[in-house]
Amino acid sequence: MLTMSDEDKEILQDRYEKHIKNLFKSFLFVLEDLNNDHNINFAKLKRAIPETYHSLIDQANYFDYDKMQFLRKRVLDLGNDSLRGQNEDLEKFTVEFKFKDYYKKQTS
């Protein structure tokens, strides 16, 4: 077994960061899908009822632009917190292992 060098540590950190970022990007896509479905269904509901009740539908619409922006920011903040936590954790440990050459070649 080899002690993790700074280069190896950077490779490991980059790999974990990539996976965390992909996870939180996926959460953003899911949020967008939910928002789109919500908007489609509220539009259908509005078309199905008399116009006099449209203001009630507008009032019930909780998933508006501001809510979407709030949730988007929350996902990004949580992702950044996860990245910081992962980076801090990596600093706390000394890990001994041997990287496969595959990862070293990708970063070169």
N, C-alpha and C. Protein backbone atom coordinates (compact mmCIF):
# COMPACT_ATOMS: atom_id res chain seq x y z
N MET A 1 0.83 -1.18 0.00
CA MET A 1 0.00 0.00 0.00
C MET A 1 0.88 1.25 0.00
N LEU A 2 0.38 2.25 -0.68
CA LEU A 2 1.10 3.51 -0.75
C LEU A 2 0.35 4.59 0.01
N THR A 3 1.07 5.50 0.61
CA THR A 3 0.44 6.62 1.28
C THR A 3 -0.08 7.59 0.23
N MET A 4 -1.21 8.17 0.49
CA MET A 4 -1.83 9.06 -0.48
C MET A 4 -1.00 10.34 -0.63
N SER A 5 -0.57 10.60 -1.84
CA SER A 5 0.17 11.82 -2.13
C SER A 5 -0.81 12.97 -2.34
N ASP A 6 -0.28 14.19 -2.44
CA ASP A 6 -1.15 15.33 -2.71
C ASP A 6 -1.87 15.17 -4.04
N GLU A 7 -1.17 14.61 -5.02
CA GLU A 7 -1.78 14.38 -6.34
C GLU A 7 -2.92 13.37 -6.23
N ASP A 8 -2.68 12.28 -5.50
CA ASP A 8 -3.72 11.27 -5.32
C ASP A 8 -4.91 11.83 -4.56
N LYS A 9 -4.62 12.65 -3.55
CA LYS A 9 -5.68 13.27 -2.77
C LYS A 9 -6.54 14.17 -3.66
N GLU A 10 -5.89 14.91 -4.54
CA GLU A 10 -6.60 15.79 -5.46
C GLU A 10 -7.47 14.99 -6.42
N ILE A 11 -6.96 13.87 -6.89
CA ILE A 11 -7.73 13.01 -7.78
C ILE A 11 -8.98 12.50 -7.06
N LEU A 12 -8.80 12.03 -5.83
CA LEU A 12 -9.93 11.53 -5.06
C LEU A 12 -10.94 12.64 -4.79
N GLN A 13 -10.45 13.79 -4.42
CA GLN A 13 -11.33 14.92 -4.14
C GLN A 13 -12.11 15.33 -5.39
N ASP A 14 -11.44 15.38 -6.53
CA ASP A 14 -12.11 15.72 -7.78
C ASP A 14 -13.20 14.72 -8.13
N ARG A 15 -12.93 13.44 -7.92
CA ARG A 15 -13.92 12.40 -8.23
C ARG A 15 -15.17 12.56 -7.35
N TYR A 16 -14.95 12.74 -6.05
CA TYR A 16 -16.09 12.91 -5.16
C TYR A 16 -16.86 14.17 -5.48
N GLU A 17 -16.17 15.27 -5.78
CA GLU A 17 -16.84 16.52 -6.12
C GLU A 17 -17.70 16.35 -7.38
N LYS A 18 -17.17 15.63 -8.35
CA LYS A 18 -17.91 15.40 -9.59
C LYS A 18 -19.22 14.66 -9.30
N HIS A 19 -19.14 13.63 -8.46
CA HIS A 19 -20.34 12.84 -8.15
C HIS A 19 -21.35 13.66 -7.35
N ILE A 20 -20.89 14.45 -6.40
CA ILE A 20 -21.79 15.29 -5.62
C ILE A 20 -22.46 16.32 -6.52
N LYS A 21 -21.70 16.95 -7.40
CA LYS A 21 -22.27 17.94 -8.32
C LYS A 21 -23.30 17.31 -9.24
N ASN A 22 -23.02 16.12 -9.74
CA ASN A 22 -23.98 15.42 -10.60
C ASN A 22 -25.27 15.10 -9.85
N LEU A 23 -25.14 14.70 -8.60
CA LEU A 23 -26.32 14.39 -7.79
C LEU A 23 -27.18 15.63 -7.62
N PHE A 24 -26.58 16.75 -7.30
CA PHE A 24 -27.38 17.94 -7.07
C PHE A 24 -27.90 18.56 -8.36
N LYS A 25 -27.19 18.37 -9.46
CA LYS A 25 -27.75 18.77 -10.76
C LYS A 25 -28.99 17.94 -11.06
N SER A 26 -28.93 16.67 -10.72
CA SER A 26 -30.11 15.80 -10.92
C SER A 26 -31.28 16.28 -10.09
N PHE A 27 -31.03 16.71 -8.86
CA PHE A 27 -32.09 17.26 -8.02
C PHE A 27 -32.72 18.49 -8.68
N LEU A 28 -31.89 19.32 -9.30
CA LEU A 28 -32.42 20.51 -9.98
C LEU A 28 -33.31 20.11 -11.16
N PHE A 29 -32.91 19.07 -11.90
CA PHE A 29 -33.73 18.59 -13.02
C PHE A 29 -35.07 18.07 -12.51
N VAL A 30 -35.05 17.35 -11.40
CA VAL A 30 -36.29 16.83 -10.81
C VAL A 30 -37.19 17.99 -10.39
N LEU A 31 -36.60 19.00 -9.77
CA LEU A 31 -37.39 20.18 -9.38
C LEU A 31 -38.04 20.83 -10.59
N GLU A 32 -37.28 20.98 -11.66
CA GLU A 32 -37.83 21.56 -12.89
C GLU A 32 -38.97 20.71 -13.45
N ASP A 33 -38.81 19.40 -13.43
CA ASP A 33 -39.87 18.50 -13.89
C ASP A 33 -41.13 18.66 -13.03
N LEU A 34 -40.95 18.70 -11.72
CA LEU A 34 -42.10 18.88 -10.82
C LEU A 34 -42.79 20.20 -11.08
N ASN A 35 -42.01 21.25 -11.26
CA ASN A 35 -42.59 22.57 -11.52
C ASN A 35 -43.36 22.58 -12.84
N ASN A 36 -42.79 21.96 -13.87
CA ASN A 36 -43.48 21.89 -15.16
C ASN A 36 -44.78 21.10 -15.05
N ASP A 37 -44.75 19.96 -14.37
CA ASP A 37 -45.96 19.16 -14.18
C ASP A 37 -47.01 19.95 -13.40
N HIS A 38 -46.56 20.63 -12.38
CA HIS A 38 -47.47 21.45 -11.58
C HIS A 38 -48.13 22.52 -12.45
N ASN A 39 -47.34 23.22 -13.24
CA ASN A 39 -47.88 24.28 -14.10
C ASN A 39 -48.87 23.73 -15.13
N ILE A 40 -48.56 22.60 -15.71
CA ILE A 40 -49.46 21.97 -16.69
C ILE A 40 -50.79 21.62 -16.03
N ASN A 41 -50.72 21.01 -14.86
CA ASN A 41 -51.95 20.58 -14.19
C ASN A 41 -52.77 21.75 -13.67
N PHE A 42 -52.12 22.81 -13.21
CA PHE A 42 -52.87 23.98 -12.79
C PHE A 42 -53.52 24.66 -13.99
N ALA A 43 -52.85 24.66 -15.13
CA ALA A 43 -53.44 25.23 -16.34
C ALA A 43 -54.67 24.42 -16.77
N LYS A 44 -54.58 23.09 -16.68
CA LYS A 44 -55.74 22.24 -17.01
C LYS A 44 -56.90 22.53 -16.07
N LEU A 45 -56.59 22.66 -14.80
CA LEU A 45 -57.62 22.94 -13.82
C LEU A 45 -58.29 24.28 -14.10
N LYS A 46 -57.49 25.26 -14.43
CA LYS A 46 -58.03 26.59 -14.72
C LYS A 46 -58.95 26.56 -15.94
N ARG A 47 -58.56 25.79 -16.96
CA ARG A 47 -59.39 25.68 -18.17
C ARG A 47 -60.69 24.94 -17.89
N ALA A 48 -60.70 24.09 -16.88
CA ALA A 48 -61.86 23.24 -16.62
C ALA A 48 -62.92 23.91 -15.75
N ILE A 49 -62.61 25.04 -15.16
CA ILE A 49 -63.58 25.69 -14.27
C ILE A 49 -63.98 27.06 -14.83
N PRO A 50 -65.10 27.58 -14.39
CA PRO A 50 -65.51 28.92 -14.84
C PRO A 50 -64.48 29.99 -14.46
N GLU A 51 -64.40 31.00 -15.30
CA GLU A 51 -63.40 32.06 -15.12
C GLU A 51 -63.54 32.77 -13.77
N THR A 52 -64.71 32.80 -13.23
CA THR A 52 -64.92 33.48 -11.95
C THR A 52 -64.12 32.83 -10.81
N TYR A 53 -63.72 31.58 -11.00
CA TYR A 53 -62.96 30.87 -9.96
C TYR A 53 -61.44 30.86 -10.23
N HIS A 54 -61.01 31.47 -11.30
CA HIS A 54 -59.57 31.48 -11.64
C HIS A 54 -58.72 32.13 -10.55
N SER A 55 -59.25 33.14 -9.90
CA SER A 55 -58.48 33.80 -8.84
C SER A 55 -58.21 32.84 -7.67
N LEU A 56 -59.13 31.92 -7.42
CA LEU A 56 -58.91 30.91 -6.38
C LEU A 56 -57.78 29.95 -6.78
N ILE A 57 -57.75 29.60 -8.05
CA ILE A 57 -56.69 28.73 -8.54
C ILE A 57 -55.34 29.45 -8.42
N ASP A 58 -55.32 30.72 -8.80
CA ASP A 58 -54.08 31.50 -8.68
C ASP A 58 -53.64 31.58 -7.22
N GLN A 59 -54.58 31.73 -6.34
CA GLN A 59 -54.27 31.81 -4.91
C GLN A 59 -53.72 30.48 -4.38
N ALA A 60 -54.21 29.39 -4.91
CA ALA A 60 -53.78 28.06 -4.46
C ALA A 60 -52.44 27.63 -5.07
N ASN A 61 -51.99 28.36 -6.05
CA ASN A 61 -50.76 27.98 -6.76
C ASN A 61 -49.55 28.29 -5.88
N TYR A 62 -49.11 27.29 -5.13
CA TYR A 62 -47.98 27.44 -4.20
C TYR A 62 -46.63 27.31 -4.90
N PHE A 63 -46.60 26.70 -6.07
CA PHE A 63 -45.32 26.39 -6.74
C PHE A 63 -45.06 27.43 -7.83
N ASP A 64 -45.01 28.67 -7.41
CA ASP A 64 -44.81 29.76 -8.35
C ASP A 64 -43.32 30.01 -8.58
N TYR A 65 -43.01 31.05 -9.31
CA TYR A 65 -41.62 31.38 -9.65
C TYR A 65 -40.77 31.57 -8.39
N ASP A 66 -41.29 32.31 -7.41
CA ASP A 66 -40.52 32.57 -6.19
C ASP A 66 -40.22 31.28 -5.42
N LYS A 67 -41.21 30.40 -5.35
CA LYS A 67 -41.01 29.12 -4.65
C LYS A 67 -39.97 28.28 -5.39
N MET A 68 -40.03 28.28 -6.72
CA MET A 68 -39.06 27.53 -7.51
C MET A 68 -37.66 28.06 -7.28
N GLN A 69 -37.50 29.37 -7.25
CA GLN A 69 -36.18 29.97 -7.02
C GLN A 69 -35.68 29.65 -5.61
N PHE A 70 -36.58 29.68 -4.63
CA PHE A 70 -36.21 29.33 -3.26
C PHE A 70 -35.71 27.88 -3.19
N LEU A 71 -36.46 26.95 -3.79
CA LEU A 71 -36.06 25.54 -3.77
C LEU A 71 -34.76 25.31 -4.54
N ARG A 72 -34.61 25.99 -5.65
CA ARG A 72 -33.38 25.88 -6.44
C ARG A 72 -32.18 26.34 -5.62
N LYS A 73 -32.32 27.47 -4.96
CA LYS A 73 -31.23 27.99 -4.12
C LYS A 73 -30.93 27.02 -2.98
N ARG A 74 -31.98 26.45 -2.42
CA ARG A 74 -31.79 25.50 -1.32
C ARG A 74 -31.00 24.26 -1.77
N VAL A 75 -31.34 23.74 -2.93
CA VAL A 75 -30.61 22.59 -3.47
C VAL A 75 -29.14 22.95 -3.69
N LEU A 76 -28.90 24.11 -4.28
CA LEU A 76 -27.51 24.53 -4.53
C LEU A 76 -26.75 24.76 -3.22
N ASP A 77 -27.40 25.35 -2.23
CA ASP A 77 -26.76 25.56 -0.93
C ASP A 77 -26.41 24.22 -0.27
N LEU A 78 -27.35 23.28 -0.33
CA LEU A 78 -27.09 21.96 0.25
C LEU A 78 -25.96 21.25 -0.48
N GLY A 79 -25.92 21.41 -1.80
CA GLY A 79 -24.83 20.82 -2.57
C GLY A 79 -23.49 21.41 -2.19
N ASN A 80 -23.44 22.72 -2.05
CA ASN A 80 -22.20 23.38 -1.65
C ASN A 80 -21.79 22.98 -0.24
N ASP A 81 -22.77 22.84 0.66
CA ASP A 81 -22.46 22.36 2.02
C ASP A 81 -21.87 20.96 1.98
N SER A 82 -22.42 20.11 1.14
CA SER A 82 -21.91 18.75 1.00
C SER A 82 -20.48 18.75 0.47
N LEU A 83 -20.23 19.59 -0.51
CA LEU A 83 -18.87 19.68 -1.05
C LEU A 83 -17.89 20.16 0.01
N ARG A 84 -18.27 21.18 0.77
CA ARG A 84 -17.39 21.68 1.84
C ARG A 84 -17.15 20.61 2.89
N GLY A 85 -18.21 19.91 3.28
CA GLY A 85 -18.07 18.85 4.27
C GLY A 85 -17.17 17.74 3.78
N GLN A 86 -17.32 17.37 2.53
CA GLN A 86 -16.48 16.33 1.96
C GLN A 86 -15.02 16.76 1.95
N ASN A 87 -14.77 18.00 1.56
CA ASN A 87 -13.40 18.51 1.52
C ASN A 87 -12.80 18.57 2.92
N GLU A 88 -13.59 19.01 3.89
CA GLU A 88 -13.11 19.06 5.27
C GLU A 88 -12.81 17.65 5.79
N ASP A 89 -13.69 16.71 5.49
CA ASP A 89 -13.48 15.33 5.94
C ASP A 89 -12.22 14.74 5.35
N LEU A 90 -11.97 15.02 4.09
CA LEU A 90 -10.79 14.47 3.44
C LEU A 90 -9.51 14.96 4.13
N GLU A 91 -9.55 16.17 4.66
CA GLU A 91 -8.38 16.73 5.36
C GLU A 91 -8.13 16.04 6.70
N LYS A 92 -9.13 15.41 7.27
CA LYS A 92 -9.03 14.81 8.61
C LYS A 92 -8.39 13.42 8.60
N PHE A 93 -8.26 12.82 7.43
CA PHE A 93 -7.84 11.43 7.37
C PHE A 93 -6.54 11.26 6.58
N THR A 94 -5.83 10.24 6.96
CA THR A 94 -4.71 9.77 6.16
C THR A 94 -5.14 8.42 5.62
N VAL A 95 -5.19 8.31 4.32
CA VAL A 95 -5.67 7.10 3.69
C VAL A 95 -4.51 6.46 2.95
N GLU A 96 -4.42 5.16 3.06
CA GLU A 96 -3.39 4.44 2.34
C GLU A 96 -4.05 3.50 1.35
N PHE A 97 -3.71 3.68 0.08
CA PHE A 97 -4.22 2.82 -0.97
C PHE A 97 -3.46 3.12 -2.25
N LYS A 98 -3.72 2.33 -3.26
CA LYS A 98 -3.08 2.53 -4.54
C LYS A 98 -4.16 2.82 -5.57
N PHE A 99 -4.08 3.99 -6.20
CA PHE A 99 -5.03 4.33 -7.26
C PHE A 99 -4.73 3.49 -8.49
N LYS A 100 -5.75 3.16 -9.20
CA LYS A 100 -5.56 2.53 -10.50
C LYS A 100 -5.06 3.60 -11.45
N ASP A 101 -4.21 3.24 -12.35
CA ASP A 101 -3.64 4.20 -13.29
C ASP A 101 -4.71 4.90 -14.12
N TYR A 102 -5.86 4.29 -14.25
CA TYR A 102 -6.94 4.85 -15.04
C TYR A 102 -7.25 6.28 -14.62
N TYR A 103 -7.36 6.53 -13.33
CA TYR A 103 -7.71 7.87 -12.85
C TYR A 103 -6.58 8.87 -13.04
N LYS A 104 -5.36 8.42 -12.90
CA LYS A 104 -4.24 9.34 -13.10
C LYS A 104 -4.13 9.77 -14.56
N LYS A 105 -4.43 8.86 -15.47
CA LYS A 105 -4.35 9.18 -16.90
C LYS A 105 -5.44 10.18 -17.28
N GLN A 106 -6.61 10.09 -16.67
CA GLN A 106 -7.71 11.00 -16.99
C GLN A 106 -7.41 12.43 -16.60
N THR A 107 -6.63 12.64 -15.56
CA THR A 107 -6.37 13.99 -15.08
C THR A 107 -5.16 14.62 -15.73
N SER A 108 -4.40 13.82 -16.44
CA SER A 108 -3.18 14.36 -17.06
C SER A 108 -3.49 15.15 -18.31
